[in-house]
N, C-alpha and C. Protein backbone atom coordinates (compact mmCIF):
# COMPACT_ATOMS: atom_id res chain seq x y z
N UNK A 1 -17.77 -51.49 -91.10
CA UNK A 1 -17.45 -51.99 -89.78
C UNK A 1 -18.51 -52.99 -89.32
N UNK A 2 -19.80 -52.63 -89.49
CA UNK A 2 -20.89 -53.51 -89.11
C UNK A 2 -21.77 -53.74 -90.33
N UNK A 3 -22.32 -54.93 -90.44
CA UNK A 3 -23.20 -55.24 -91.57
C UNK A 3 -24.50 -54.47 -91.44
N UNK A 4 -24.96 -53.90 -92.54
CA UNK A 4 -26.20 -53.13 -92.56
C UNK A 4 -27.37 -54.01 -92.13
N UNK A 5 -28.17 -53.51 -91.21
CA UNK A 5 -29.35 -54.23 -90.77
C UNK A 5 -29.14 -55.16 -89.60
N UNK A 6 -27.87 -55.43 -89.24
CA UNK A 6 -27.61 -56.30 -88.10
C UNK A 6 -27.92 -55.57 -86.80
N UNK A 7 -28.45 -56.30 -85.83
CA UNK A 7 -28.61 -55.77 -84.48
C UNK A 7 -27.25 -55.78 -83.82
N UNK A 8 -26.84 -54.65 -83.30
CA UNK A 8 -25.55 -54.58 -82.63
C UNK A 8 -25.68 -55.04 -81.19
N UNK A 9 -24.55 -55.51 -80.64
CA UNK A 9 -24.51 -55.96 -79.25
C UNK A 9 -23.51 -55.10 -78.47
N UNK A 10 -23.48 -55.30 -77.18
CA UNK A 10 -22.52 -54.55 -76.35
C UNK A 10 -21.09 -54.89 -76.75
N UNK A 11 -20.83 -56.09 -77.24
CA UNK A 11 -19.48 -56.46 -77.72
C UNK A 11 -19.10 -55.63 -78.95
N UNK A 12 -20.04 -55.40 -79.85
CA UNK A 12 -19.80 -54.54 -81.01
C UNK A 12 -19.47 -53.12 -80.55
N UNK A 13 -20.20 -52.65 -79.59
CA UNK A 13 -19.98 -51.30 -79.06
C UNK A 13 -18.57 -51.14 -78.51
N UNK A 14 -18.06 -52.17 -77.88
CA UNK A 14 -16.71 -52.12 -77.30
C UNK A 14 -15.61 -52.03 -78.35
N UNK A 15 -15.92 -52.34 -79.62
CA UNK A 15 -14.90 -52.27 -80.68
C UNK A 15 -14.73 -50.87 -81.26
N UNK A 16 -15.64 -49.96 -80.91
CA UNK A 16 -15.56 -48.59 -81.44
C UNK A 16 -14.51 -47.82 -80.65
N UNK A 17 -13.54 -47.25 -81.35
CA UNK A 17 -12.43 -46.58 -80.66
C UNK A 17 -12.50 -45.05 -80.73
N UNK A 18 -13.47 -44.49 -81.44
CA UNK A 18 -13.62 -43.04 -81.56
C UNK A 18 -14.09 -42.47 -80.22
N UNK A 19 -13.31 -41.59 -79.61
CA UNK A 19 -13.67 -41.01 -78.32
C UNK A 19 -14.22 -39.60 -78.45
N UNK A 20 -14.45 -39.12 -79.67
CA UNK A 20 -14.99 -37.77 -79.86
C UNK A 20 -16.50 -37.74 -79.74
N UNK A 21 -17.12 -38.90 -79.79
CA UNK A 21 -18.58 -39.01 -79.73
C UNK A 21 -18.97 -39.98 -78.62
N UNK A 22 -20.24 -39.92 -78.27
CA UNK A 22 -20.80 -40.85 -77.28
C UNK A 22 -21.62 -41.87 -78.06
N UNK A 23 -21.35 -43.16 -77.84
CA UNK A 23 -22.04 -44.23 -78.55
C UNK A 23 -22.87 -45.04 -77.56
N UNK A 24 -24.17 -45.19 -77.88
CA UNK A 24 -25.07 -45.96 -77.05
C UNK A 24 -25.84 -46.94 -77.94
N UNK A 25 -26.41 -47.95 -77.31
CA UNK A 25 -27.24 -48.92 -78.02
C UNK A 25 -28.63 -48.95 -77.41
N UNK A 26 -29.63 -48.95 -78.24
CA UNK A 26 -31.00 -49.17 -77.79
C UNK A 26 -31.60 -50.24 -78.68
N UNK A 27 -31.87 -51.38 -78.08
CA UNK A 27 -32.43 -52.52 -78.82
C UNK A 27 -31.59 -52.87 -80.04
N UNK A 28 -30.27 -52.77 -79.92
CA UNK A 28 -29.38 -53.13 -81.01
C UNK A 28 -29.13 -52.05 -82.03
N UNK A 29 -29.72 -50.87 -81.85
CA UNK A 29 -29.54 -49.75 -82.76
C UNK A 29 -28.55 -48.77 -82.17
N UNK A 30 -27.58 -48.35 -82.96
CA UNK A 30 -26.53 -47.45 -82.51
C UNK A 30 -27.02 -46.00 -82.48
N UNK A 31 -26.81 -45.33 -81.34
CA UNK A 31 -27.09 -43.90 -81.20
C UNK A 31 -25.75 -43.19 -81.04
N UNK A 32 -25.56 -42.11 -81.77
CA UNK A 32 -24.30 -41.35 -81.71
C UNK A 32 -24.63 -39.92 -81.31
N UNK A 33 -23.93 -39.43 -80.28
CA UNK A 33 -24.15 -38.06 -79.79
C UNK A 33 -22.84 -37.29 -79.86
N UNK A 34 -22.91 -35.99 -80.15
CA UNK A 34 -21.69 -35.18 -80.15
C UNK A 34 -21.22 -34.94 -78.72
N UNK A 35 -19.99 -34.47 -78.58
CA UNK A 35 -19.49 -34.16 -77.24
C UNK A 35 -20.31 -33.02 -76.66
N UNK A 36 -20.50 -33.00 -75.33
CA UNK A 36 -21.36 -31.99 -74.71
C UNK A 36 -20.75 -30.60 -74.67
N UNK A 37 -21.60 -29.60 -74.56
CA UNK A 37 -21.21 -28.18 -74.49
C UNK A 37 -20.88 -27.80 -73.05
N UNK A 38 -20.22 -26.65 -72.85
CA UNK A 38 -19.87 -26.23 -71.49
C UNK A 38 -21.06 -26.10 -70.54
N UNK A 39 -22.19 -25.56 -70.99
CA UNK A 39 -23.36 -25.45 -70.11
C UNK A 39 -23.81 -26.82 -69.63
N UNK A 40 -23.84 -27.76 -70.53
CA UNK A 40 -24.21 -29.15 -70.21
C UNK A 40 -23.27 -29.69 -69.13
N UNK A 41 -21.98 -29.51 -69.32
CA UNK A 41 -20.99 -30.04 -68.38
C UNK A 41 -21.03 -29.31 -67.04
N UNK A 42 -21.38 -28.03 -67.06
CA UNK A 42 -21.54 -27.27 -65.82
C UNK A 42 -22.65 -27.89 -64.97
N UNK A 43 -23.78 -28.22 -65.61
CA UNK A 43 -24.89 -28.85 -64.89
C UNK A 43 -24.46 -30.20 -64.33
N UNK A 44 -23.75 -30.98 -65.12
CA UNK A 44 -23.26 -32.29 -64.67
C UNK A 44 -22.35 -32.12 -63.45
N UNK A 45 -21.44 -31.16 -63.51
CA UNK A 45 -20.52 -30.92 -62.39
C UNK A 45 -21.27 -30.52 -61.13
N UNK A 46 -22.27 -29.66 -61.26
CA UNK A 46 -23.05 -29.22 -60.09
C UNK A 46 -23.87 -30.37 -59.51
N UNK A 47 -24.40 -31.23 -60.37
CA UNK A 47 -25.13 -32.39 -59.88
C UNK A 47 -24.22 -33.35 -59.13
N UNK A 48 -23.02 -33.56 -59.66
CA UNK A 48 -22.05 -34.42 -58.97
C UNK A 48 -21.73 -33.86 -57.59
N UNK A 49 -21.51 -32.55 -57.53
CA UNK A 49 -21.17 -31.90 -56.25
C UNK A 49 -22.32 -32.02 -55.26
N UNK A 50 -23.56 -31.97 -55.73
CA UNK A 50 -24.71 -32.08 -54.83
C UNK A 50 -25.00 -33.52 -54.41
N UNK A 51 -24.86 -34.46 -55.34
CA UNK A 51 -25.21 -35.85 -55.05
C UNK A 51 -24.15 -36.62 -54.25
N UNK A 52 -22.90 -36.33 -54.50
CA UNK A 52 -21.83 -37.10 -53.87
C UNK A 52 -21.88 -37.09 -52.34
N UNK A 53 -22.05 -35.95 -51.69
CA UNK A 53 -22.07 -35.97 -50.22
C UNK A 53 -23.25 -36.73 -49.60
N UNK A 54 -24.37 -36.86 -50.31
CA UNK A 54 -25.53 -37.54 -49.75
C UNK A 54 -25.66 -38.99 -50.21
N UNK A 55 -24.74 -39.42 -51.06
CA UNK A 55 -24.77 -40.78 -51.59
C UNK A 55 -24.33 -41.76 -50.50
N UNK A 56 -25.11 -42.81 -50.25
CA UNK A 56 -24.70 -43.78 -49.22
C UNK A 56 -23.44 -44.55 -49.62
N UNK A 57 -22.78 -45.12 -48.64
CA UNK A 57 -21.49 -45.78 -48.87
C UNK A 57 -21.59 -46.97 -49.82
N UNK A 58 -22.76 -47.59 -49.95
CA UNK A 58 -22.87 -48.76 -50.84
C UNK A 58 -23.13 -48.36 -52.29
N UNK A 59 -23.17 -47.04 -52.56
CA UNK A 59 -23.41 -46.54 -53.91
C UNK A 59 -22.29 -45.59 -54.34
N UNK A 60 -22.26 -45.30 -55.63
CA UNK A 60 -21.29 -44.36 -56.17
C UNK A 60 -21.95 -43.50 -57.23
N UNK A 61 -21.57 -42.20 -57.26
CA UNK A 61 -22.07 -41.24 -58.25
C UNK A 61 -20.96 -41.01 -59.26
N UNK A 62 -21.26 -41.18 -60.55
CA UNK A 62 -20.26 -40.97 -61.59
C UNK A 62 -20.84 -40.19 -62.76
N UNK A 63 -20.00 -39.37 -63.42
CA UNK A 63 -20.45 -38.66 -64.62
C UNK A 63 -20.23 -39.51 -65.86
N UNK A 64 -20.88 -39.12 -66.95
CA UNK A 64 -20.64 -39.77 -68.23
C UNK A 64 -19.21 -39.49 -68.67
N UNK A 65 -18.63 -40.37 -69.43
CA UNK A 65 -19.23 -41.57 -70.00
C UNK A 65 -18.99 -42.81 -69.14
N UNK A 66 -20.07 -43.38 -68.65
CA UNK A 66 -20.05 -44.69 -67.99
C UNK A 66 -21.16 -45.50 -68.65
N UNK A 67 -20.79 -46.61 -69.26
CA UNK A 67 -21.79 -47.48 -69.88
C UNK A 67 -22.68 -48.09 -68.81
N UNK A 68 -23.98 -48.08 -69.06
CA UNK A 68 -24.96 -48.77 -68.22
C UNK A 68 -25.54 -49.88 -69.09
N UNK A 69 -25.14 -51.10 -68.80
CA UNK A 69 -25.54 -52.26 -69.61
C UNK A 69 -26.83 -52.83 -69.04
N UNK A 70 -27.93 -52.57 -69.75
CA UNK A 70 -29.23 -53.09 -69.32
C UNK A 70 -29.47 -54.49 -69.84
N UNK A 71 -28.97 -54.77 -71.03
CA UNK A 71 -29.00 -56.12 -71.60
C UNK A 71 -28.00 -56.15 -72.75
N UNK A 72 -27.92 -57.24 -73.44
CA UNK A 72 -26.92 -57.41 -74.50
C UNK A 72 -27.08 -56.41 -75.64
N UNK A 73 -28.30 -55.88 -75.83
CA UNK A 73 -28.59 -54.98 -76.95
C UNK A 73 -28.89 -53.54 -76.53
N UNK A 74 -28.84 -53.25 -75.23
CA UNK A 74 -29.14 -51.90 -74.74
C UNK A 74 -28.07 -51.46 -73.75
N UNK A 75 -27.28 -50.48 -74.19
CA UNK A 75 -26.22 -49.89 -73.37
C UNK A 75 -26.41 -48.38 -73.42
N UNK A 76 -26.76 -47.79 -72.30
CA UNK A 76 -27.00 -46.36 -72.21
C UNK A 76 -25.85 -45.66 -71.50
N UNK A 77 -25.72 -44.35 -71.72
CA UNK A 77 -24.73 -43.54 -71.02
C UNK A 77 -25.45 -42.32 -70.44
N UNK A 78 -25.99 -42.45 -69.22
CA UNK A 78 -26.60 -41.27 -68.60
C UNK A 78 -25.55 -40.20 -68.32
N UNK A 79 -25.97 -38.94 -68.27
CA UNK A 79 -25.03 -37.87 -67.97
C UNK A 79 -24.48 -37.99 -66.55
N UNK A 80 -25.31 -38.43 -65.63
CA UNK A 80 -24.90 -38.76 -64.26
C UNK A 80 -25.59 -40.06 -63.90
N UNK A 81 -24.85 -40.96 -63.29
CA UNK A 81 -25.44 -42.23 -62.87
C UNK A 81 -25.04 -42.52 -61.43
N UNK A 82 -26.03 -43.02 -60.67
CA UNK A 82 -25.78 -43.51 -59.31
C UNK A 82 -26.07 -45.00 -59.34
N UNK A 83 -25.08 -45.77 -58.93
CA UNK A 83 -25.25 -47.22 -58.93
C UNK A 83 -24.71 -47.84 -57.67
N UNK A 84 -25.19 -49.02 -57.38
CA UNK A 84 -24.65 -49.77 -56.25
C UNK A 84 -23.24 -50.22 -56.62
N UNK A 85 -22.34 -50.12 -55.68
CA UNK A 85 -20.93 -50.43 -55.95
C UNK A 85 -20.74 -51.82 -56.55
N UNK A 86 -21.54 -52.80 -56.12
CA UNK A 86 -21.35 -54.16 -56.62
C UNK A 86 -21.79 -54.32 -58.08
N UNK A 87 -22.52 -53.33 -58.63
CA UNK A 87 -22.95 -53.44 -60.03
C UNK A 87 -21.92 -52.87 -61.00
N UNK A 88 -20.91 -52.17 -60.47
CA UNK A 88 -19.86 -51.63 -61.35
C UNK A 88 -18.79 -52.69 -61.60
N UNK A 89 -18.43 -52.85 -62.87
CA UNK A 89 -17.29 -53.69 -63.23
C UNK A 89 -16.17 -52.75 -63.66
N UNK A 90 -15.11 -53.30 -64.16
CA UNK A 90 -14.01 -52.48 -64.66
C UNK A 90 -14.43 -51.66 -65.88
N UNK A 91 -15.41 -52.15 -66.65
CA UNK A 91 -15.83 -51.48 -67.89
C UNK A 91 -17.14 -50.71 -67.80
N UNK A 92 -18.03 -51.10 -66.87
CA UNK A 92 -19.39 -50.55 -66.94
C UNK A 92 -20.15 -50.78 -65.65
N UNK A 93 -21.33 -50.19 -65.59
CA UNK A 93 -22.33 -50.57 -64.58
C UNK A 93 -23.19 -51.61 -65.29
N UNK A 94 -23.19 -52.82 -64.78
CA UNK A 94 -23.95 -53.90 -65.40
C UNK A 94 -25.19 -54.16 -64.55
N UNK A 95 -26.33 -53.78 -65.10
CA UNK A 95 -27.58 -53.92 -64.37
C UNK A 95 -28.28 -52.58 -64.27
N UNK A 96 -29.12 -52.47 -63.27
CA UNK A 96 -29.99 -51.31 -63.13
C UNK A 96 -29.38 -50.28 -62.19
N UNK A 97 -29.28 -49.03 -62.63
CA UNK A 97 -28.80 -47.99 -61.72
C UNK A 97 -29.87 -47.62 -60.70
N UNK A 98 -29.44 -46.96 -59.63
CA UNK A 98 -30.37 -46.43 -58.63
C UNK A 98 -31.01 -45.15 -59.17
N UNK A 99 -30.20 -44.33 -59.84
CA UNK A 99 -30.64 -43.05 -60.40
C UNK A 99 -29.89 -42.79 -61.69
N UNK A 100 -30.61 -42.36 -62.70
CA UNK A 100 -30.01 -41.91 -63.96
C UNK A 100 -30.49 -40.48 -64.19
N UNK A 101 -29.55 -39.60 -64.56
CA UNK A 101 -29.88 -38.19 -64.80
C UNK A 101 -29.44 -37.82 -66.21
N UNK A 102 -30.32 -37.14 -66.93
CA UNK A 102 -30.00 -36.64 -68.25
C UNK A 102 -30.11 -35.12 -68.27
N UNK A 103 -29.11 -34.47 -68.86
CA UNK A 103 -29.12 -33.04 -69.10
C UNK A 103 -29.45 -32.88 -70.58
N UNK A 104 -30.57 -32.27 -70.87
CA UNK A 104 -31.10 -32.22 -72.24
C UNK A 104 -30.30 -31.24 -73.09
N UNK A 105 -29.93 -31.72 -74.26
CA UNK A 105 -29.32 -30.89 -75.31
C UNK A 105 -30.31 -30.86 -76.48
N UNK A 106 -30.20 -29.88 -77.37
CA UNK A 106 -31.12 -29.86 -78.51
C UNK A 106 -31.13 -31.18 -79.29
N UNK A 107 -29.98 -31.82 -79.42
CA UNK A 107 -29.90 -33.06 -80.20
C UNK A 107 -30.40 -34.28 -79.42
N UNK A 108 -30.59 -34.15 -78.10
CA UNK A 108 -30.96 -35.32 -77.30
C UNK A 108 -32.37 -35.26 -76.73
N UNK A 109 -33.13 -34.23 -77.07
CA UNK A 109 -34.45 -34.00 -76.45
C UNK A 109 -35.35 -35.24 -76.51
N UNK A 110 -35.57 -35.79 -77.68
CA UNK A 110 -36.46 -36.96 -77.81
C UNK A 110 -35.90 -38.17 -77.06
N UNK A 111 -34.62 -38.38 -77.19
CA UNK A 111 -33.98 -39.53 -76.53
C UNK A 111 -34.11 -39.41 -75.01
N UNK A 112 -33.83 -38.22 -74.46
CA UNK A 112 -33.85 -38.01 -73.00
C UNK A 112 -35.25 -38.01 -72.41
N UNK A 113 -36.25 -37.58 -73.20
CA UNK A 113 -37.61 -37.51 -72.68
C UNK A 113 -38.44 -38.76 -72.96
N UNK A 114 -38.04 -39.56 -73.94
CA UNK A 114 -38.87 -40.70 -74.32
C UNK A 114 -38.12 -42.03 -74.33
N UNK A 115 -37.07 -42.10 -75.14
CA UNK A 115 -36.38 -43.38 -75.35
C UNK A 115 -35.68 -43.89 -74.09
N UNK A 116 -34.83 -43.07 -73.50
CA UNK A 116 -34.09 -43.53 -72.31
C UNK A 116 -35.00 -43.82 -71.13
N UNK A 117 -35.95 -42.94 -70.80
CA UNK A 117 -36.80 -43.30 -69.66
C UNK A 117 -37.61 -44.58 -69.89
N UNK A 118 -38.02 -44.82 -71.12
CA UNK A 118 -38.77 -46.05 -71.40
C UNK A 118 -37.91 -47.28 -71.13
N UNK A 119 -36.65 -47.24 -71.59
CA UNK A 119 -35.77 -48.40 -71.39
C UNK A 119 -35.38 -48.56 -69.92
N UNK A 120 -35.11 -47.44 -69.25
CA UNK A 120 -34.75 -47.50 -67.83
C UNK A 120 -35.92 -47.96 -66.97
N UNK A 121 -37.12 -47.50 -67.28
CA UNK A 121 -38.30 -47.95 -66.54
C UNK A 121 -38.52 -49.45 -66.74
N UNK A 122 -38.40 -49.91 -67.98
CA UNK A 122 -38.59 -51.34 -68.26
C UNK A 122 -37.56 -52.19 -67.52
N UNK A 123 -36.35 -51.63 -67.31
CA UNK A 123 -35.31 -52.36 -66.59
C UNK A 123 -35.49 -52.29 -65.08
N UNK A 124 -36.31 -51.34 -64.60
CA UNK A 124 -36.56 -51.23 -63.17
C UNK A 124 -35.76 -50.17 -62.44
N UNK A 125 -35.20 -49.19 -63.17
CA UNK A 125 -34.46 -48.10 -62.53
C UNK A 125 -35.44 -47.27 -61.70
N UNK A 126 -35.25 -47.16 -60.39
CA UNK A 126 -36.25 -46.51 -59.55
C UNK A 126 -36.37 -44.99 -59.71
N UNK A 127 -35.30 -44.32 -60.15
CA UNK A 127 -35.34 -42.85 -60.25
C UNK A 127 -34.70 -42.37 -61.54
N UNK A 128 -35.35 -41.39 -62.17
CA UNK A 128 -34.87 -40.80 -63.41
C UNK A 128 -35.12 -39.30 -63.34
N UNK A 129 -34.08 -38.51 -63.53
CA UNK A 129 -34.20 -37.05 -63.49
C UNK A 129 -33.82 -36.48 -64.85
N UNK A 130 -34.47 -35.36 -65.20
CA UNK A 130 -34.19 -34.65 -66.44
C UNK A 130 -33.96 -33.18 -66.10
N UNK A 131 -32.85 -32.63 -66.58
CA UNK A 131 -32.55 -31.22 -66.41
C UNK A 131 -32.62 -30.56 -67.79
N UNK A 132 -33.43 -29.51 -67.88
CA UNK A 132 -33.51 -28.67 -69.07
C UNK A 132 -32.71 -27.41 -68.76
N UNK A 133 -31.47 -27.30 -69.23
CA UNK A 133 -30.63 -26.17 -68.83
C UNK A 133 -31.04 -24.83 -69.40
N UNK A 134 -31.71 -24.79 -70.53
CA UNK A 134 -32.06 -23.50 -71.14
C UNK A 134 -33.21 -22.81 -70.43
N UNK A 135 -34.07 -23.55 -69.71
CA UNK A 135 -35.23 -22.94 -69.07
C UNK A 135 -34.94 -22.35 -67.70
N UNK A 136 -34.18 -22.72 -66.79
CA UNK A 136 -33.79 -24.09 -66.44
C UNK A 136 -34.88 -24.79 -65.60
N UNK A 137 -34.99 -26.09 -65.79
CA UNK A 137 -35.99 -26.89 -65.09
C UNK A 137 -35.38 -28.22 -64.67
N UNK A 138 -35.76 -28.69 -63.50
CA UNK A 138 -35.39 -30.01 -63.01
C UNK A 138 -36.68 -30.79 -62.80
N UNK A 139 -36.79 -31.95 -63.44
CA UNK A 139 -37.94 -32.84 -63.27
C UNK A 139 -37.44 -34.17 -62.73
N UNK A 140 -37.97 -34.57 -61.59
CA UNK A 140 -37.53 -35.79 -60.91
C UNK A 140 -38.67 -36.81 -60.94
N UNK A 141 -38.39 -37.96 -61.52
CA UNK A 141 -39.38 -39.01 -61.67
C UNK A 141 -39.01 -40.21 -60.83
N UNK A 142 -40.05 -40.94 -60.37
CA UNK A 142 -39.81 -42.21 -59.69
C UNK A 142 -40.67 -43.28 -60.34
N UNK A 143 -40.19 -44.49 -60.26
CA UNK A 143 -40.86 -45.61 -60.91
C UNK A 143 -42.04 -46.07 -60.06
N UNK A 144 -43.22 -46.13 -60.69
CA UNK A 144 -44.43 -46.62 -60.04
C UNK A 144 -45.15 -47.52 -61.04
N UNK A 145 -45.34 -48.77 -60.67
CA UNK A 145 -46.06 -49.73 -61.52
C UNK A 145 -45.51 -49.78 -62.95
N UNK A 146 -44.18 -49.78 -63.07
CA UNK A 146 -43.54 -49.94 -64.37
C UNK A 146 -43.39 -48.69 -65.20
N UNK A 147 -43.83 -47.54 -64.69
CA UNK A 147 -43.69 -46.28 -65.43
C UNK A 147 -43.25 -45.16 -64.51
N UNK A 148 -42.74 -44.09 -65.08
CA UNK A 148 -42.27 -42.97 -64.27
C UNK A 148 -43.40 -41.98 -64.03
N UNK A 149 -43.48 -41.53 -62.76
CA UNK A 149 -44.40 -40.47 -62.38
C UNK A 149 -43.57 -39.32 -61.83
N UNK A 150 -44.04 -38.11 -62.06
CA UNK A 150 -43.34 -36.93 -61.60
C UNK A 150 -43.40 -36.87 -60.07
N UNK A 151 -42.23 -36.83 -59.44
CA UNK A 151 -42.12 -36.82 -57.99
C UNK A 151 -41.86 -35.41 -57.47
N UNK A 152 -41.11 -34.63 -58.23
CA UNK A 152 -40.79 -33.24 -57.86
C UNK A 152 -40.37 -32.50 -59.11
N UNK A 153 -40.63 -31.18 -59.12
CA UNK A 153 -40.22 -30.37 -60.26
C UNK A 153 -39.97 -28.95 -59.77
N UNK A 154 -38.98 -28.31 -60.36
CA UNK A 154 -38.66 -26.92 -60.03
C UNK A 154 -38.16 -26.23 -61.29
N UNK A 155 -38.48 -24.95 -61.40
CA UNK A 155 -38.05 -24.12 -62.53
C UNK A 155 -37.41 -22.86 -62.00
N UNK A 156 -36.35 -22.41 -62.68
CA UNK A 156 -35.67 -21.17 -62.31
C UNK A 156 -35.16 -21.18 -60.89
N UNK A 157 -35.59 -20.20 -60.09
CA UNK A 157 -35.12 -20.05 -58.71
C UNK A 157 -35.86 -20.94 -57.72
N UNK A 158 -36.88 -21.68 -58.17
CA UNK A 158 -37.59 -22.59 -57.28
C UNK A 158 -36.63 -23.67 -56.79
N UNK A 159 -36.94 -24.23 -55.65
CA UNK A 159 -36.11 -25.31 -55.08
C UNK A 159 -36.92 -26.60 -55.06
N UNK A 160 -36.35 -27.64 -55.61
CA UNK A 160 -36.95 -28.97 -55.51
C UNK A 160 -36.45 -29.60 -54.22
N UNK A 161 -37.35 -29.86 -53.29
CA UNK A 161 -36.99 -30.49 -52.01
C UNK A 161 -37.26 -31.98 -52.15
N UNK A 162 -36.19 -32.73 -52.25
CA UNK A 162 -36.29 -34.16 -52.52
C UNK A 162 -36.07 -34.99 -51.27
N UNK A 163 -36.83 -36.06 -51.15
CA UNK A 163 -36.64 -37.03 -50.07
C UNK A 163 -36.09 -38.35 -50.60
N UNK A 164 -36.21 -38.56 -51.94
CA UNK A 164 -35.74 -39.80 -52.51
C UNK A 164 -35.09 -39.57 -53.86
N UNK A 165 -34.11 -40.28 -54.24
CA UNK A 165 -33.54 -41.38 -53.48
C UNK A 165 -32.73 -40.91 -52.27
N UNK A 166 -32.45 -39.60 -52.19
CA UNK A 166 -31.71 -39.04 -51.07
C UNK A 166 -32.33 -37.71 -50.69
N UNK A 167 -32.17 -37.32 -49.44
CA UNK A 167 -32.65 -36.01 -49.00
C UNK A 167 -31.73 -34.95 -49.59
N UNK A 168 -32.33 -34.05 -50.39
CA UNK A 168 -31.52 -33.11 -51.15
C UNK A 168 -32.39 -31.96 -51.63
N UNK A 169 -31.86 -30.74 -51.61
CA UNK A 169 -32.52 -29.58 -52.19
C UNK A 169 -31.73 -29.15 -53.41
N UNK A 170 -32.42 -28.98 -54.54
CA UNK A 170 -31.76 -28.55 -55.77
C UNK A 170 -32.53 -27.40 -56.41
N UNK A 171 -31.78 -26.40 -56.84
CA UNK A 171 -32.34 -25.24 -57.53
C UNK A 171 -31.82 -25.24 -58.96
N UNK A 172 -32.70 -25.33 -59.95
CA UNK A 172 -32.25 -25.37 -61.35
C UNK A 172 -31.39 -24.17 -61.74
N UNK A 173 -31.71 -22.98 -61.28
CA UNK A 173 -30.92 -21.79 -61.62
C UNK A 173 -29.49 -21.93 -61.13
N UNK A 174 -29.30 -22.56 -59.98
CA UNK A 174 -27.95 -22.77 -59.45
C UNK A 174 -27.19 -23.82 -60.25
N UNK A 175 -27.90 -24.77 -60.84
CA UNK A 175 -27.24 -25.80 -61.65
C UNK A 175 -26.62 -25.21 -62.91
N UNK A 176 -27.21 -24.13 -63.44
CA UNK A 176 -26.73 -23.56 -64.69
C UNK A 176 -25.90 -22.29 -64.51
N UNK A 177 -25.87 -21.75 -63.30
CA UNK A 177 -25.17 -20.50 -63.03
C UNK A 177 -23.68 -20.63 -63.34
N UNK A 178 -23.11 -19.60 -63.96
CA UNK A 178 -21.68 -19.64 -64.30
C UNK A 178 -20.78 -19.25 -63.13
N UNK A 179 -21.35 -18.97 -61.99
CA UNK A 179 -20.54 -18.64 -60.80
C UNK A 179 -21.03 -19.37 -59.57
C-alpha cells in the first residue's frame, strides 16, 4: 500500500479503510492501535459527561475517533478532544485543540505519556490530561514555556478540583466505576 521508508502524510492516512483499528501519524510514521476495551470506553464516556456541561459555546467536546491534524505529517486521535468550533472541518479538527485527554491502555503507555504530549506541546495545545484507569489516577497538565507542567492530580477517591480549562471536579474512582 505504501512504499517502505516513505514518510506518510495525512492524505495517505485518509486512504486507509480499515475501521477495526485506530491509525495515527507522528512525523510521518504510522501508529496502529487496537480497538479500546470497555473500561477504557467507560472512562471516555464519564469524561464526556463531565466536560460537556462546562464546555463554552465556542468549543465542542468529542470522543475518539476524531483526527487532530497538527501538520501534514502528524495526525493524532486523542481519546477525548475539546476544540474550538471553527477548527473542526467535516473530516477533522485542523489545528491545535484546547484540551486533549488520553486514557492509558497497556499498549499505549509510552505513546500517551511521552510521544503525544511532546507533539501536542510543540503545537501549543494548552491542556493535556492523562487517565490511568487501573490505578485509577487523573493527571492534568498545562502548557508552560513550551512544556507541560502538572497542574492537578488525584488518585482513587481523591478529587481533582480544576479551574482550567474549565471549573470542574473529577474523581478518578468515579471515572472507572461500573455503576
